[in-house]
Amino acid sequence: MSEVDDNYENETICIKFCGVCPSYPRVKGEILFCARGKSVSPKQKSGCNCGLCDIWNKYDLTDFYYCMKGEAKELRRLFSTSLFSSFYQAVQKIRL
């Protein structure tokens, strides 16, 4: 999993997917959660478009609900320090 670049190109891609997501918090100026971090006002889970997003595929992301959980690199850090670290690393090797 790569760190998602916070740039205009990714922002324009993200708007197409987050903007119509049922869990999108609709806070002005908040978008590209996989790069910028979770929303200041997250909603309840009601479906997630992350897996449909071109950014998700471009950066080989593996999680969902970035608007609630935080940016992709934060989640990677959590996995690397958890009890599931060896399991997570094994799954990543299989995916390659």
N, C-alpha and C. Protein backbone atom coordinates (compact mmCIF):
# COMPACT_ATOMS: atom_id res chain seq x y z
N MET A 1 0.85 -1.17 0.00
CA MET A 1 0.00 0.00 0.00
C MET A 1 0.90 1.23 0.00
N SER A 2 0.65 2.14 -0.91
CA SER A 2 1.41 3.38 -0.99
C SER A 2 0.68 4.49 -0.26
N GLU A 3 1.46 5.49 0.15
CA GLU A 3 0.86 6.68 0.71
C GLU A 3 0.19 7.44 -0.42
N VAL A 4 -1.04 7.86 -0.21
CA VAL A 4 -1.81 8.55 -1.24
C VAL A 4 -1.34 10.00 -1.35
N ASP A 5 -1.06 10.43 -2.57
CA ASP A 5 -0.62 11.80 -2.81
C ASP A 5 -1.80 12.76 -2.66
N ASP A 6 -1.58 13.81 -1.92
CA ASP A 6 -2.59 14.85 -1.72
C ASP A 6 -2.36 15.91 -2.79
N ASN A 7 -3.02 15.73 -3.94
CA ASN A 7 -2.84 16.67 -5.03
C ASN A 7 -4.16 16.91 -5.76
N TYR A 8 -4.15 17.87 -6.65
CA TYR A 8 -5.37 18.27 -7.36
C TYR A 8 -5.93 17.13 -8.20
N GLU A 9 -5.07 16.38 -8.87
CA GLU A 9 -5.53 15.27 -9.70
C GLU A 9 -6.31 14.24 -8.87
N ASN A 10 -5.76 13.85 -7.73
CA ASN A 10 -6.46 12.89 -6.87
C ASN A 10 -7.74 13.48 -6.28
N GLU A 11 -7.71 14.76 -5.99
CA GLU A 11 -8.91 15.41 -5.47
C GLU A 11 -10.05 15.37 -6.48
N THR A 12 -9.74 15.62 -7.75
CA THR A 12 -10.80 15.59 -8.77
C THR A 12 -11.33 14.18 -9.00
N ILE A 13 -10.47 13.18 -8.86
CA ILE A 13 -10.93 11.79 -8.95
C ILE A 13 -11.83 11.48 -7.75
N CYS A 14 -11.39 11.88 -6.58
CA CYS A 14 -12.09 11.58 -5.34
C CYS A 14 -13.51 12.16 -5.32
N ILE A 15 -13.66 13.36 -5.83
CA ILE A 15 -14.98 14.01 -5.82
C ILE A 15 -16.03 13.15 -6.50
N LYS A 16 -15.64 12.42 -7.54
CA LYS A 16 -16.57 11.58 -8.28
C LYS A 16 -17.09 10.42 -7.43
N PHE A 17 -16.30 9.97 -6.48
CA PHE A 17 -16.67 8.81 -5.69
C PHE A 17 -17.15 9.18 -4.28
N CYS A 18 -16.40 10.02 -3.59
CA CYS A 18 -16.81 10.45 -2.24
C CYS A 18 -18.08 11.29 -2.28
N GLY A 19 -18.18 12.14 -3.28
CA GLY A 19 -19.31 13.06 -3.37
C GLY A 19 -20.66 12.39 -3.43
N VAL A 20 -20.71 11.16 -3.91
CA VAL A 20 -21.97 10.43 -4.00
C VAL A 20 -22.04 9.26 -3.01
N CYS A 21 -21.05 9.16 -2.13
CA CYS A 21 -21.01 8.07 -1.16
C CYS A 21 -22.06 8.29 -0.07
N PRO A 22 -22.78 7.25 0.32
CA PRO A 22 -23.80 7.42 1.37
C PRO A 22 -23.22 7.75 2.75
N SER A 23 -21.95 7.49 2.97
CA SER A 23 -21.32 7.80 4.27
C SER A 23 -20.55 9.12 4.24
N TYR A 24 -20.54 9.79 3.10
CA TYR A 24 -19.80 11.06 2.97
C TYR A 24 -20.35 12.08 3.96
N PRO A 25 -19.48 12.67 4.80
CA PRO A 25 -19.94 13.58 5.85
C PRO A 25 -20.47 14.93 5.38
N ARG A 26 -20.17 15.31 4.16
CA ARG A 26 -20.64 16.56 3.58
C ARG A 26 -20.22 17.80 4.38
N VAL A 27 -18.98 17.79 4.84
CA VAL A 27 -18.40 18.94 5.51
C VAL A 27 -17.62 19.72 4.45
N LYS A 28 -17.92 20.99 4.31
CA LYS A 28 -17.30 21.81 3.26
C LYS A 28 -15.77 21.73 3.35
N GLY A 29 -15.16 21.45 2.20
CA GLY A 29 -13.72 21.39 2.12
C GLY A 29 -13.11 20.04 2.46
N GLU A 30 -13.92 19.11 2.95
CA GLU A 30 -13.39 17.79 3.28
C GLU A 30 -13.58 16.83 2.11
N ILE A 31 -12.49 16.25 1.68
CA ILE A 31 -12.46 15.28 0.59
C ILE A 31 -11.10 14.57 0.64
N LEU A 32 -10.93 13.54 -0.08
CA LEU A 32 -9.65 12.81 -0.17
C LEU A 32 -9.18 12.33 1.21
N PHE A 33 -10.07 11.66 1.90
CA PHE A 33 -9.81 11.21 3.26
C PHE A 33 -8.67 10.21 3.34
N CYS A 34 -8.47 9.41 2.29
CA CYS A 34 -7.38 8.43 2.30
C CYS A 34 -6.01 9.11 2.31
N ALA A 35 -5.95 10.37 1.94
CA ALA A 35 -4.68 11.12 1.98
C ALA A 35 -4.64 12.11 3.13
N ARG A 36 -5.79 12.70 3.47
CA ARG A 36 -5.81 13.80 4.44
C ARG A 36 -6.26 13.41 5.84
N GLY A 37 -6.88 12.28 5.98
CA GLY A 37 -7.34 11.85 7.29
C GLY A 37 -8.84 11.91 7.45
N LYS A 38 -9.30 11.44 8.59
CA LYS A 38 -10.74 11.31 8.81
C LYS A 38 -11.44 12.67 8.95
N SER A 39 -12.74 12.62 8.81
CA SER A 39 -13.57 13.81 8.89
C SER A 39 -13.67 14.31 10.32
N VAL A 40 -13.89 15.60 10.46
CA VAL A 40 -14.12 16.17 11.79
C VAL A 40 -15.53 15.87 12.26
N SER A 41 -16.39 15.43 11.34
CA SER A 41 -17.78 15.14 11.67
C SER A 41 -18.26 13.90 10.92
N PRO A 42 -17.69 12.72 11.24
CA PRO A 42 -18.07 11.51 10.49
C PRO A 42 -19.51 11.10 10.75
N LYS A 43 -20.11 10.49 9.72
CA LYS A 43 -21.46 9.95 9.82
C LYS A 43 -21.37 8.47 10.21
N GLN A 44 -22.52 7.86 10.39
CA GLN A 44 -22.55 6.41 10.63
C GLN A 44 -22.30 5.69 9.31
N LYS A 45 -21.80 4.48 9.40
CA LYS A 45 -21.57 3.68 8.20
C LYS A 45 -22.90 3.41 7.51
N SER A 46 -22.96 3.79 6.23
CA SER A 46 -24.17 3.52 5.44
C SER A 46 -23.82 3.09 4.03
N GLY A 47 -22.68 2.47 3.88
CA GLY A 47 -22.18 2.09 2.57
C GLY A 47 -20.92 2.88 2.27
N CYS A 48 -20.05 2.32 1.46
CA CYS A 48 -18.75 2.95 1.21
C CYS A 48 -18.37 2.79 -0.26
N ASN A 49 -17.94 3.89 -0.87
CA ASN A 49 -17.52 3.87 -2.26
C ASN A 49 -16.01 3.75 -2.44
N CYS A 50 -15.25 3.64 -1.35
CA CYS A 50 -13.79 3.59 -1.46
C CYS A 50 -13.32 2.51 -2.44
N GLY A 51 -13.87 1.33 -2.35
CA GLY A 51 -13.46 0.22 -3.20
C GLY A 51 -13.76 0.41 -4.67
N LEU A 52 -14.64 1.35 -4.99
CA LEU A 52 -14.97 1.66 -6.38
C LEU A 52 -14.07 2.75 -6.95
N CYS A 53 -13.39 3.46 -6.08
CA CYS A 53 -12.63 4.65 -6.44
C CYS A 53 -11.35 4.31 -7.21
N ASP A 54 -11.04 5.11 -8.22
CA ASP A 54 -9.81 4.92 -8.99
C ASP A 54 -8.56 5.12 -8.13
N ILE A 55 -8.65 5.95 -7.12
CA ILE A 55 -7.51 6.17 -6.21
C ILE A 55 -7.25 4.90 -5.40
N TRP A 56 -8.29 4.26 -4.96
CA TRP A 56 -8.18 3.01 -4.19
C TRP A 56 -7.39 1.98 -4.99
N ASN A 57 -7.70 1.89 -6.28
CA ASN A 57 -7.00 0.94 -7.15
C ASN A 57 -5.59 1.42 -7.49
N LYS A 58 -5.45 2.70 -7.78
CA LYS A 58 -4.15 3.27 -8.17
C LYS A 58 -3.09 3.08 -7.09
N TYR A 59 -3.49 3.23 -5.82
CA TYR A 59 -2.54 3.12 -4.71
C TYR A 59 -2.61 1.78 -3.99
N ASP A 60 -3.37 0.85 -4.55
CA ASP A 60 -3.48 -0.49 -3.98
C ASP A 60 -3.91 -0.45 -2.52
N LEU A 61 -4.93 0.35 -2.25
CA LEU A 61 -5.44 0.47 -0.88
C LEU A 61 -6.22 -0.78 -0.51
N THR A 62 -6.37 -1.03 0.76
CA THR A 62 -7.00 -2.27 1.20
C THR A 62 -8.13 -2.07 2.20
N ASP A 63 -8.38 -0.85 2.59
CA ASP A 63 -9.39 -0.61 3.61
C ASP A 63 -10.53 0.23 3.05
N PHE A 64 -11.51 0.49 3.88
CA PHE A 64 -12.68 1.26 3.51
C PHE A 64 -12.96 2.28 4.62
N TYR A 65 -13.90 3.16 4.38
CA TYR A 65 -14.34 4.17 5.36
C TYR A 65 -13.19 5.04 5.87
N TYR A 66 -12.36 5.54 4.96
CA TYR A 66 -11.27 6.43 5.35
C TYR A 66 -11.81 7.70 6.00
N CYS A 67 -13.03 8.10 5.65
CA CYS A 67 -13.62 9.30 6.26
C CYS A 67 -13.85 9.11 7.76
N MET A 68 -13.90 7.87 8.20
CA MET A 68 -14.11 7.57 9.62
C MET A 68 -12.85 7.06 10.30
N LYS A 69 -12.00 6.36 9.55
CA LYS A 69 -10.84 5.69 10.15
C LYS A 69 -9.54 6.48 10.04
N GLY A 70 -9.45 7.35 9.04
CA GLY A 70 -8.22 8.12 8.86
C GLY A 70 -7.49 7.75 7.59
N GLU A 71 -6.40 8.46 7.35
CA GLU A 71 -5.67 8.29 6.11
C GLU A 71 -5.01 6.92 6.02
N ALA A 72 -4.71 6.52 4.81
CA ALA A 72 -4.17 5.18 4.55
C ALA A 72 -2.88 4.91 5.32
N LYS A 73 -1.96 5.85 5.40
CA LYS A 73 -0.69 5.58 6.09
C LYS A 73 -0.89 5.42 7.59
N GLU A 74 -1.88 6.12 8.18
CA GLU A 74 -2.18 5.93 9.61
C GLU A 74 -2.66 4.52 9.85
N LEU A 75 -3.51 4.01 8.97
CA LEU A 75 -4.02 2.66 9.14
C LEU A 75 -2.91 1.64 9.00
N ARG A 76 -1.97 1.89 8.08
CA ARG A 76 -0.85 0.98 7.91
C ARG A 76 -0.02 0.93 9.19
N ARG A 77 0.20 2.09 9.82
CA ARG A 77 0.96 2.13 11.08
C ARG A 77 0.24 1.34 12.16
N LEU A 78 -1.06 1.44 12.23
CA LEU A 78 -1.82 0.69 13.23
C LEU A 78 -1.65 -0.81 13.02
N PHE A 79 -1.72 -1.25 11.75
CA PHE A 79 -1.55 -2.67 11.46
C PHE A 79 -0.15 -3.14 11.83
N SER A 80 0.85 -2.34 11.56
CA SER A 80 2.22 -2.79 11.79
C SER A 80 2.55 -2.90 13.28
N THR A 81 1.78 -2.27 14.13
CA THR A 81 2.04 -2.35 15.56
C THR A 81 1.04 -3.23 16.30
N SER A 82 0.13 -3.81 15.59
CA SER A 82 -0.92 -4.60 16.24
C SER A 82 -0.51 -6.07 16.36
N LEU A 83 -1.34 -6.82 17.02
CA LEU A 83 -1.13 -8.27 17.14
C LEU A 83 -1.26 -8.97 15.80
N PHE A 84 -1.91 -8.31 14.85
CA PHE A 84 -2.15 -8.91 13.55
C PHE A 84 -1.05 -8.58 12.54
N SER A 85 0.05 -8.03 13.00
CA SER A 85 1.12 -7.60 12.11
C SER A 85 1.61 -8.72 11.20
N SER A 86 1.92 -9.86 11.74
CA SER A 86 2.45 -10.95 10.92
C SER A 86 1.40 -11.46 9.94
N PHE A 87 0.15 -11.51 10.37
CA PHE A 87 -0.93 -11.92 9.47
C PHE A 87 -1.08 -10.92 8.33
N TYR A 88 -1.09 -9.63 8.65
CA TYR A 88 -1.23 -8.57 7.65
C TYR A 88 -0.09 -8.63 6.65
N GLN A 89 1.14 -8.82 7.12
CA GLN A 89 2.29 -8.89 6.23
C GLN A 89 2.19 -10.11 5.32
N ALA A 90 1.71 -11.24 5.83
CA ALA A 90 1.56 -12.43 5.02
C ALA A 90 0.52 -12.20 3.93
N VAL A 91 -0.56 -11.55 4.25
CA VAL A 91 -1.61 -11.26 3.26
C VAL A 91 -1.05 -10.34 2.18
N GLN A 92 -0.27 -9.36 2.56
CA GLN A 92 0.33 -8.45 1.57
C GLN A 92 1.26 -9.20 0.62
N LYS A 93 2.02 -10.16 1.11
CA LYS A 93 2.91 -10.95 0.26
C LYS A 93 2.11 -11.78 -0.74
N ILE A 94 1.00 -12.33 -0.29
CA ILE A 94 0.14 -13.13 -1.17
C ILE A 94 -0.42 -12.27 -2.29
N ARG A 95 -0.79 -11.03 -1.96
CA ARG A 95 -1.38 -10.13 -2.95
C ARG A 95 -0.39 -9.77 -4.04
N LEU A 96 0.89 -9.76 -3.74
CA LEU A 96 1.91 -9.40 -4.73
C LEU A 96 2.06 -10.55 -5.69
